[in-house]
C-alpha atoms as a PDB file:
ATOM      1  CA  MET A   1     129.963   7.742 -14.968  1.00  0.00           C
ATOM      2  CA  GLU A   2     127.632   5.108 -15.143  1.00  0.00           C
ATOM      3  CA  LEU A   3     126.320   3.330 -18.269  1.00  0.00           C
ATOM      4  CA  LEU A   4     122.874   5.332 -17.770  1.00  0.00           C
ATOM      5  CA  ASP A   5     124.989   8.294 -18.016  1.00  0.00           C
ATOM      6  CA  TYR A   6     126.271   7.523 -21.311  1.00  0.00           C
ATOM      7  CA  LEU A   7     123.183   6.198 -23.096  1.00  0.00           C
ATOM      8  CA  PRO A   8     121.510   9.714 -24.261  1.00  0.00           C
ATOM      9  CA  HIS A   9     124.715  10.326 -26.049  1.00  0.00           C
ATOM     10  CA  PHE A  10     124.520   6.771 -27.417  1.00  0.00           C
ATOM     11  CA  GLN A  11     121.042   7.092 -28.391  1.00  0.00           C
ATOM     12  CA  ALA A  12     121.420  10.145 -30.241  1.00  0.00           C
ATOM     13  CA  SER A  13     124.481   8.619 -32.227  1.00  0.00           C
ATOM     14  CA  LEU A  14     122.267   5.917 -33.150  1.00  0.00           C
ATOM     15  CA  ASN A  15     119.550   8.421 -34.266  1.00  0.00           C
ATOM     16  CA  ALA A  16     122.151   9.964 -36.421  1.00  0.00           C
ATOM     17  CA  ILE A  17     123.228   6.661 -37.914  1.00  0.00           C
ATOM     18  CA  SER A  18     119.470   5.759 -38.673  1.00  0.00           C
ATOM     19  CA  LEU A  19     119.004   8.845 -40.243  1.00  0.00           C
ATOM     20  CA  VAL A  20     122.195   8.487 -42.568  1.00  0.00           C
ATOM     21  CA  LEU A  21     121.168   4.826 -43.425  1.00  0.00           C
ATOM     22  CA  ILE A  22     117.748   5.550 -44.180  1.00  0.00           C
ATOM     23  CA  THR A  23     118.841   8.540 -46.565  1.00  0.00           C
ATOM     24  CA  LEU A  24     121.499   6.191 -48.100  1.00  0.00           C
ATOM     25  CA  ALA A  25     118.753   3.812 -48.698  1.00  0.00           C
ATOM     26  CA  TYR A  26     116.251   5.963 -49.999  1.00  0.00           C
ATOM     27  CA  LEU A  27     119.100   7.197 -52.542  1.00  0.00           C
ATOM     28  CA  ALA A  28     119.864   3.533 -53.460  1.00  0.00           C
ATOM     29  CA  ILE A  29     116.256   2.757 -54.174  1.00  0.00           C
ATOM     30  CA  LYS A  30     116.017   5.847 -56.274  1.00  0.00           C
ATOM     31  CA  SER A  31     118.941   4.900 -58.335  1.00  0.00           C
ATOM     32  CA  GLY A  32     117.470   1.324 -58.871  1.00  0.00           C
ATOM     33  CA  ASP A  33     119.953  -0.554 -56.651  1.00  0.00           C
ATOM     34  CA  LYS A  34     117.666  -2.886 -54.845  1.00  0.00           C
ATOM     35  CA  GLY A  35     120.209  -4.826 -53.319  1.00  0.00           C
ATOM     36  CA  ARG A  36     121.920  -1.891 -51.686  1.00  0.00           C
ATOM     37  CA  HIS A  37     118.514  -0.398 -50.349  1.00  0.00           C
ATOM     38  CA  LYS A  38     117.550  -3.665 -48.775  1.00  0.00           C
ATOM     39  CA  LYS A  39     120.968  -4.079 -46.927  1.00  0.00           C
ATOM     40  CA  LEU A  40     120.662  -0.582 -45.792  1.00  0.00           C
ATOM     41  CA  MET A  41     117.245  -0.713 -44.571  1.00  0.00           C
ATOM     42  CA  ILE A  42     118.077  -3.721 -42.703  1.00  0.00           C
ATOM     43  CA  ALA A  43     121.153  -1.961 -40.980  1.00  0.00           C
ATOM     44  CA  ALA A  44     118.561   0.838 -40.116  1.00  0.00           C
ATOM     45  CA  LEU A  45     116.259  -1.509 -38.660  1.00  0.00           C
ATOM     46  CA  GLY A  46     118.893  -3.024 -36.400  1.00  0.00           C
ATOM     47  CA  VAL A  47     120.422   0.297 -35.387  1.00  0.00           C
ATOM     48  CA  SER A  48     116.563   1.761 -34.793  1.00  0.00           C
ATOM     49  CA  ALA A  49     115.979  -1.635 -32.751  1.00  0.00           C
ATOM     50  CA  VAL A  50     119.170  -1.337 -30.591  1.00  0.00           C
ATOM     51  CA  PHE A  51     117.864   2.412 -29.961  1.00  0.00           C
ATOM     52  CA  LEU A  52     114.489   1.698 -29.018  1.00  0.00           C
ATOM     53  CA  VAL A  53     115.828  -1.084 -26.689  1.00  0.00           C
ATOM     54  CA  SER A  54     118.298   1.163 -25.232  1.00  0.00           C
ATOM     55  CA  TYR A  55     115.647   4.160 -24.899  1.00  0.00           C
ATOM     56  CA  LEU A  56     113.111   1.762 -22.869  1.00  0.00           C
ATOM     57  CA  TYR A  57     116.086   0.743 -20.534  1.00  0.00           C
ATOM     58  CA  TYR A  58     117.176   4.181 -19.985  1.00  0.00           C
ATOM     59  CA  HIS A  59     113.537   5.408 -19.143  1.00  0.00           C
ATOM     60  CA  ALA A  60     112.812   2.330 -17.048  1.00  0.00           C
ATOM     61  CA  HIS A  61     115.884   3.113 -14.949  1.00  0.00           C
ATOM     62  CA  ILE A  62     115.874   7.167 -15.010  1.00  0.00           C
ATOM     63  CA  GLY A  63     112.071   7.948 -15.455  1.00  0.00           C
ATOM     64  CA  HIS A  64     111.512  11.606 -16.648  1.00  0.00           C
ATOM     65  CA  VAL A  65     114.096  13.655 -17.663  1.00  0.00           C
ATOM     66  CA  PRO A  66     113.329  17.232 -16.653  1.00  0.00           C
ATOM     67  CA  PHE A  67     114.079  20.182 -19.198  1.00  0.00           C
ATOM     68  CA  ALA A  68     116.242  22.860 -17.481  1.00  0.00           C
ATOM     69  CA  GLY A  69     115.504  25.590 -19.978  1.00  0.00           C
ATOM     70  CA  GLN A  70     113.211  28.833 -19.189  1.00  0.00           C
ATOM     71  CA  GLY A  71     110.909  31.056 -20.716  1.00  0.00           C
ATOM     72  CA  GLY A  72     109.771  30.640 -24.297  1.00  0.00           C
ATOM     73  CA  ILE A  73     112.265  28.096 -25.081  1.00  0.00           C
ATOM     74  CA  ARG A  74     110.597  25.702 -23.072  1.00  0.00           C
ATOM     75  CA  THR A  75     107.271  25.925 -25.477  1.00  0.00           C
ATOM     76  CA  VAL A  76     109.795  25.488 -28.385  1.00  0.00           C
ATOM     77  CA  TYR A  77     111.465  22.322 -26.667  1.00  0.00           C
ATOM     78  CA  PHE A  78     108.018  20.649 -25.560  1.00  0.00           C
ATOM     79  CA  THR A  79     106.478  21.198 -29.024  1.00  0.00           C
ATOM     80  CA  ILE A  80     109.518  19.831 -30.748  1.00  0.00           C
ATOM     81  CA  LEU A  81     109.185  16.818 -27.963  1.00  0.00           C
ATOM     82  CA  PHE A  82     105.488  16.204 -28.204  1.00  0.00           C
ATOM     83  CA  THR A  83     105.524  16.000 -31.903  1.00  0.00           C
ATOM     84  CA  HIS A  84     108.687  13.756 -31.804  1.00  0.00           C
ATOM     85  CA  ILE A  85     107.174  11.459 -29.703  1.00  0.00           C
ATOM     86  CA  ALA A  86     103.634  11.385 -31.548  1.00  0.00           C
ATOM     87  CA  PHE A  87     105.768  10.996 -34.833  1.00  0.00           C
ATOM     88  CA  ALA A  88     107.836   8.096 -33.012  1.00  0.00           C
ATOM     89  CA  ALA A  89     104.635   6.225 -32.391  1.00  0.00           C
ATOM     90  CA  LEU A  90     103.210   6.706 -35.694  1.00  0.00           C
ATOM     91  CA  ALA A  91     107.024   5.585 -37.424  1.00  0.00           C
ATOM     92  CA  LEU A  92     107.032   2.217 -35.482  1.00  0.00           C
ATOM     93  CA  ILE A  93     103.677   1.406 -36.864  1.00  0.00           C
ATOM     94  CA  MET A  94     104.628   2.683 -40.245  1.00  0.00           C
ATOM     95  CA  ILE A  95     107.930   0.839 -40.426  1.00  0.00           C
ATOM     96  CA  ILE A  96     106.255  -2.214 -39.050  1.00  0.00           C
ATOM     97  CA  ILE A  97     103.925  -2.307 -42.005  1.00  0.00           C
ATOM     98  CA  THR A  98     106.301  -1.200 -44.737  1.00  0.00           C
ATOM     99  CA  VAL A  99     108.889  -3.921 -43.514  1.00  0.00           C
ATOM    100  CA  TRP A 100     106.075  -6.680 -43.833  1.00  0.00           C
ATOM    101  CA  ARG A 101     104.754  -5.751 -47.235  1.00  0.00           C
ATOM    102  CA  ALA A 102     108.380  -6.091 -48.541  1.00  0.00           C
ATOM    103  CA  MET A 103     110.237  -8.825 -46.410  1.00  0.00           C
ATOM    104  CA  VAL A 104     107.133 -11.153 -45.749  1.00  0.00           C
ATOM    105  CA  LYS A 105     104.319 -10.429 -48.338  1.00  0.00           C
ATOM    106  CA  ALA A 106     106.968  -9.591 -50.971  1.00  0.00           C
ATOM    107  CA  ASP A 107     104.203  -6.791 -51.988  1.00  0.00           C
ATOM    108  CA  PHE A 108     106.495  -4.328 -53.532  1.00  0.00           C
ATOM    109  CA  ILE A 109     103.470  -2.180 -54.878  1.00  0.00           C
ATOM    110  CA  ARG A 110     101.963  -1.553 -51.662  1.00  0.00           C
ATOM    111  CA  HIS A 111     105.553  -1.387 -49.796  1.00  0.00           C
ATOM    112  CA  LYS A 112     106.377   1.677 -52.069  1.00  0.00           C
ATOM    113  CA  ALA A 113     102.946   3.232 -51.552  1.00  0.00           C
ATOM    114  CA  ILE A 114     103.647   3.567 -47.688  1.00  0.00           C
ATOM    115  CA  ALA A 115     107.365   3.587 -48.012  1.00  0.00           C
ATOM    116  CA  ARG A 116     106.762   7.155 -49.551  1.00  0.00           C
ATOM    117  CA  TYR A 117     105.439   8.155 -46.425  1.00  0.00           C
ATOM    118  CA  THR A 118     107.384   6.137 -43.675  1.00  0.00           C
ATOM    119  CA  PHE A 119     110.769   7.645 -44.856  1.00  0.00           C
ATOM    120  CA  PRO A 120     110.051  11.062 -44.010  1.00  0.00           C
ATOM    121  CA  VAL A 121     108.202  10.383 -40.815  1.00  0.00           C
ATOM    122  CA  TRP A 122     111.059   8.203 -39.786  1.00  0.00           C
ATOM    123  CA  ALA A 123     113.509  10.778 -40.994  1.00  0.00           C
ATOM    124  CA  PHE A 124     111.831  13.399 -39.095  1.00  0.00           C
ATOM    125  CA  VAL A 125     111.843  11.260 -35.955  1.00  0.00           C
ATOM    126  CA  CYS A 126     115.400  10.611 -35.853  1.00  0.00           C
ATOM    127  CA  ALA A 127     116.333  14.325 -36.721  1.00  0.00           C
ATOM    128  CA  SER A 128     114.112  15.602 -33.932  1.00  0.00           C
ATOM    129  CA  GLY A 129     115.331  13.390 -31.578  1.00  0.00           C
ATOM    130  CA  ILE A 130     118.696  14.695 -32.143  1.00  0.00           C
ATOM    131  CA  VAL A 131     117.448  18.116 -31.587  1.00  0.00           C
ATOM    132  CA  VAL A 132     115.824  17.192 -28.333  1.00  0.00           C
ATOM    133  CA  TYR A 133     118.986  15.533 -27.283  1.00  0.00           C
ATOM    134  CA  VAL A 134     120.911  18.556 -28.095  1.00  0.00           C
ATOM    135  CA  MET A 135     118.331  21.158 -26.325  1.00  0.00           C
ATOM    136  CA  ALA A 136     118.253  18.730 -23.216  1.00  0.00           C
ATOM    137  CA  PHE A 137     121.945  17.635 -22.810  1.00  0.00           C
ATOM    138  CA  HIS A 138     123.825  20.322 -24.337  1.00  0.00           C
ATOM    139  CA  ILE A 139     122.308  23.696 -24.827  1.00  0.00           C
ATOM    140  CA  TYR A 140     120.340  23.750 -21.708  1.00  0.00           C
ATOM    141  CA  GLY A 141     122.367  21.246 -19.728  1.00  0.00           C
ATOM    142  CA  ALA A 142     121.248  17.715 -18.159  1.00  0.00           C
ATOM    143  CA  PRO A 143     119.772  18.010 -14.848  1.00  0.00           C
END
């Protein structure tokens, strides 16, 4: 197997790690542990950045990955995929704004105001990415 063959599995792992990290960061801030929250969020950003670079590299070399499922499951898969893609684009913008408000501006009131929406969007993107991966590469097989 070549590097490109491993990347979808690696990327799904990164999505899972990001989901765990942002969930732990959410729990940390809810318990008042700002230091732990910051460390976990920096880790989540790092993992997500590695994911994004890996994802772009993979699709620049592989292109489109066809879905092998047939029948009604195609509608389910593409609905999940398209919402995942749309929310991923939205999440990227929201994450940048959320991080900017905390790390650059130190405006924690506005940071908190957007973070309450950024977290569930980011979590959905991580989780739906894993679902897309499982459907495309395990349940219905890689092409």
